[in-house]
Structure formats: structure tokens, C-alpha cells
Amino acid sequence: MEQIQLQFLLEFLYPERLELLKEEELQVPVVFQDGLRNIKQKDIDEIVEAVIMEGGKDAIIH
């Protein structure tokens, strides 16, 4: 297992995704059961989507 902060993961693999997240969302720890060697862009996209959705759960839309 490997744990890494989402910000560092994105900086290293997909820096173009950094602008999609708020500062507190970038601080989320991400755990990979099989490490980082097999991670694909689709996996990163799913993680970013999940973090955005989780952060917006408590938002009140007017």
C-alpha cells in the first residue's frame, strides 16, 4: 500500500488537473493498494471527480 497527498500525485503525473481542485481538496490523502506504478489517467480522473463530489456534498445551491 502507498499513500500520497493528492496535490503531489497531480503535480507529478497530471499537473493540468491541479486547477480543477480547491486548496483543501488538494490536501486529501489518496491510498493505492498496488502502489503508483499501474496508475492510469482514467484512475486520476475518477479520484479527482470523487474528491470534487465529496467536497460539494454540503454545498447549498441557490
N, C-alpha and C. Protein backbone atom coordinates (compact mmCIF):
# COMPACT_ATOMS: atom_id res chain seq x y z
N MET A 1 0.83 -1.18 0.00
CA MET A 1 0.00 0.00 0.00
C MET A 1 0.88 1.24 0.00
N GLU A 2 0.38 2.24 -0.66
CA GLU A 2 1.11 3.50 -0.74
C GLU A 2 0.13 4.66 -0.57
N GLN A 3 0.48 5.63 0.26
CA GLN A 3 -0.36 6.80 0.48
C GLN A 3 0.39 8.03 0.01
N ILE A 4 -0.33 8.91 -0.68
CA ILE A 4 0.27 10.15 -1.18
C ILE A 4 -0.81 11.23 -1.16
N GLN A 5 -0.38 12.44 -0.90
CA GLN A 5 -1.30 13.58 -0.93
C GLN A 5 -1.68 13.85 -2.38
N LEU A 6 -2.95 14.11 -2.62
CA LEU A 6 -3.45 14.30 -3.98
C LEU A 6 -2.67 15.37 -4.74
N GLN A 7 -2.31 16.44 -4.08
CA GLN A 7 -1.55 17.51 -4.72
C GLN A 7 -0.24 17.00 -5.31
N PHE A 8 0.49 16.20 -4.56
CA PHE A 8 1.78 15.68 -5.04
C PHE A 8 1.59 14.70 -6.18
N LEU A 9 0.55 13.91 -6.10
CA LEU A 9 0.24 12.97 -7.17
C LEU A 9 -0.04 13.71 -8.47
N LEU A 10 -0.86 14.75 -8.38
CA LEU A 10 -1.19 15.52 -9.59
C LEU A 10 0.00 16.29 -10.11
N GLU A 11 0.79 16.87 -9.23
CA GLU A 11 1.98 17.61 -9.67
C GLU A 11 2.92 16.71 -10.46
N PHE A 12 3.04 15.48 -10.03
CA PHE A 12 3.96 14.54 -10.65
C PHE A 12 3.42 13.93 -11.94
N LEU A 13 2.15 13.52 -11.93
CA LEU A 13 1.60 12.78 -13.07
C LEU A 13 0.75 13.62 -14.03
N TYR A 14 -0.13 14.45 -13.49
CA TYR A 14 -1.08 15.19 -14.34
C TYR A 14 -1.26 16.62 -13.82
N PRO A 15 -0.25 17.46 -13.98
CA PRO A 15 -0.34 18.83 -13.42
C PRO A 15 -1.49 19.65 -13.98
N GLU A 16 -1.99 19.31 -15.15
CA GLU A 16 -3.11 20.06 -15.72
C GLU A 16 -4.39 19.89 -14.91
N ARG A 17 -4.45 18.89 -14.05
CA ARG A 17 -5.63 18.64 -13.21
C ARG A 17 -5.63 19.49 -11.94
N LEU A 18 -4.50 20.09 -11.61
CA LEU A 18 -4.40 20.88 -10.37
C LEU A 18 -5.40 22.02 -10.33
N GLU A 19 -5.65 22.64 -11.46
CA GLU A 19 -6.53 23.81 -11.47
C GLU A 19 -7.99 23.46 -11.23
N LEU A 20 -8.33 22.19 -11.25
CA LEU A 20 -9.72 21.77 -11.04
C LEU A 20 -10.12 21.72 -9.57
N LEU A 21 -9.12 21.71 -8.68
CA LEU A 21 -9.40 21.49 -7.27
C LEU A 21 -9.10 22.70 -6.41
N LYS A 22 -9.85 22.81 -5.31
CA LYS A 22 -9.60 23.84 -4.31
C LYS A 22 -8.41 23.41 -3.45
N GLU A 23 -7.87 24.33 -2.72
CA GLU A 23 -6.70 24.05 -1.88
C GLU A 23 -6.96 22.92 -0.89
N GLU A 24 -8.12 22.94 -0.22
CA GLU A 24 -8.40 21.88 0.76
C GLU A 24 -8.60 20.52 0.09
N GLU A 25 -9.07 20.52 -1.14
CA GLU A 25 -9.23 19.26 -1.87
C GLU A 25 -7.87 18.67 -2.27
N LEU A 26 -6.91 19.53 -2.52
CA LEU A 26 -5.57 19.06 -2.88
C LEU A 26 -4.86 18.38 -1.71
N GLN A 27 -5.33 18.65 -0.49
CA GLN A 27 -4.69 18.09 0.71
C GLN A 27 -5.19 16.68 1.04
N VAL A 28 -6.14 16.17 0.29
CA VAL A 28 -6.72 14.85 0.55
C VAL A 28 -5.67 13.76 0.35
N PRO A 29 -5.54 12.86 1.32
CA PRO A 29 -4.62 11.72 1.12
C PRO A 29 -5.29 10.65 0.25
N VAL A 30 -4.52 10.06 -0.63
CA VAL A 30 -5.01 9.01 -1.52
C VAL A 30 -4.16 7.76 -1.25
N VAL A 31 -4.83 6.62 -1.09
CA VAL A 31 -4.14 5.37 -0.81
C VAL A 31 -4.29 4.45 -2.02
N PHE A 32 -3.17 3.88 -2.45
CA PHE A 32 -3.15 2.93 -3.56
C PHE A 32 -2.72 1.57 -3.05
N GLN A 33 -3.55 0.60 -3.26
CA GLN A 33 -3.26 -0.75 -2.77
C GLN A 33 -2.05 -1.35 -3.49
N ASP A 34 -1.96 -1.11 -4.80
CA ASP A 34 -0.86 -1.69 -5.58
C ASP A 34 0.23 -0.68 -5.93
N GLY A 35 0.28 0.42 -5.23
CA GLY A 35 1.29 1.43 -5.50
C GLY A 35 0.95 2.29 -6.71
N LEU A 36 1.88 3.11 -7.11
CA LEU A 36 1.65 4.08 -8.19
C LEU A 36 2.06 3.58 -9.57
N ARG A 37 2.70 2.47 -9.64
CA ARG A 37 3.28 2.05 -10.93
C ARG A 37 2.24 1.73 -12.00
N ASN A 38 1.02 1.35 -11.61
CA ASN A 38 0.00 0.97 -12.59
C ASN A 38 -1.11 1.99 -12.74
N ILE A 39 -0.92 3.18 -12.21
CA ILE A 39 -1.99 4.18 -12.25
C ILE A 39 -2.12 4.76 -13.65
N LYS A 40 -3.36 4.94 -14.07
CA LYS A 40 -3.66 5.47 -15.40
C LYS A 40 -4.41 6.79 -15.27
N GLN A 41 -4.49 7.53 -16.37
CA GLN A 41 -5.18 8.81 -16.34
C GLN A 41 -6.64 8.63 -15.95
N LYS A 42 -7.26 7.56 -16.39
CA LYS A 42 -8.65 7.30 -16.02
C LYS A 42 -8.80 7.20 -14.50
N ASP A 43 -7.83 6.57 -13.84
CA ASP A 43 -7.85 6.45 -12.38
C ASP A 43 -7.76 7.82 -11.73
N ILE A 44 -6.87 8.66 -12.23
CA ILE A 44 -6.72 10.02 -11.70
C ILE A 44 -8.01 10.81 -11.89
N ASP A 45 -8.61 10.69 -13.07
CA ASP A 45 -9.87 11.40 -13.34
C ASP A 45 -10.96 10.98 -12.36
N GLU A 46 -11.04 9.69 -12.05
CA GLU A 46 -12.04 9.19 -11.10
C GLU A 46 -11.78 9.71 -9.70
N ILE A 47 -10.51 9.78 -9.31
CA ILE A 47 -10.16 10.30 -7.99
C ILE A 47 -10.52 11.77 -7.89
N VAL A 48 -10.16 12.55 -8.90
CA VAL A 48 -10.47 13.99 -8.91
C VAL A 48 -11.98 14.19 -8.85
N GLU A 49 -12.73 13.43 -9.63
CA GLU A 49 -14.19 13.53 -9.63
C GLU A 49 -14.76 13.22 -8.25
N ALA A 50 -14.27 12.17 -7.62
CA ALA A 50 -14.75 11.78 -6.29
C ALA A 50 -14.46 12.86 -5.25
N VAL A 51 -13.28 13.44 -5.32
CA VAL A 51 -12.91 14.50 -4.36
C VAL A 51 -13.80 15.73 -4.57
N ILE A 52 -14.06 16.09 -5.80
CA ILE A 52 -14.93 17.24 -6.08
C ILE A 52 -16.35 16.97 -5.59
N MET A 53 -16.85 15.77 -5.86
CA MET A 53 -18.21 15.42 -5.42
C MET A 53 -18.31 15.40 -3.90
N GLU A 54 -17.31 14.87 -3.24
CA GLU A 54 -17.32 14.83 -1.78
C GLU A 54 -17.29 16.24 -1.19
N GLY A 55 -16.49 17.11 -1.78
CA GLY A 55 -16.40 18.49 -1.31
C GLY A 55 -17.68 19.28 -1.53
N GLY A 56 -18.45 18.91 -2.54
CA GLY A 56 -19.67 19.63 -2.86
C GLY A 56 -20.92 19.09 -2.19
N LYS A 57 -20.78 18.01 -1.42
CA LYS A 57 -21.94 17.40 -0.77
C LYS A 57 -22.69 18.36 0.12
N ASP A 58 -21.97 19.20 0.82
CA ASP A 58 -22.59 20.09 1.79
C ASP A 58 -22.90 21.47 1.21
N ALA A 59 -22.66 21.65 -0.06
CA ALA A 59 -22.90 22.96 -0.68
C ALA A 59 -24.40 23.20 -0.85
N ILE A 60 -24.79 24.42 -0.60
CA ILE A 60 -26.19 24.81 -0.80
C ILE A 60 -26.26 25.58 -2.09
N ILE A 61 -27.07 25.10 -3.00
CA ILE A 61 -27.21 25.74 -4.30
C ILE A 61 -28.43 26.65 -4.28
N HIS A 62 -28.23 27.89 -4.68
CA HIS A 62 -29.33 28.87 -4.67
C HIS A 62 -29.95 28.95 -6.04
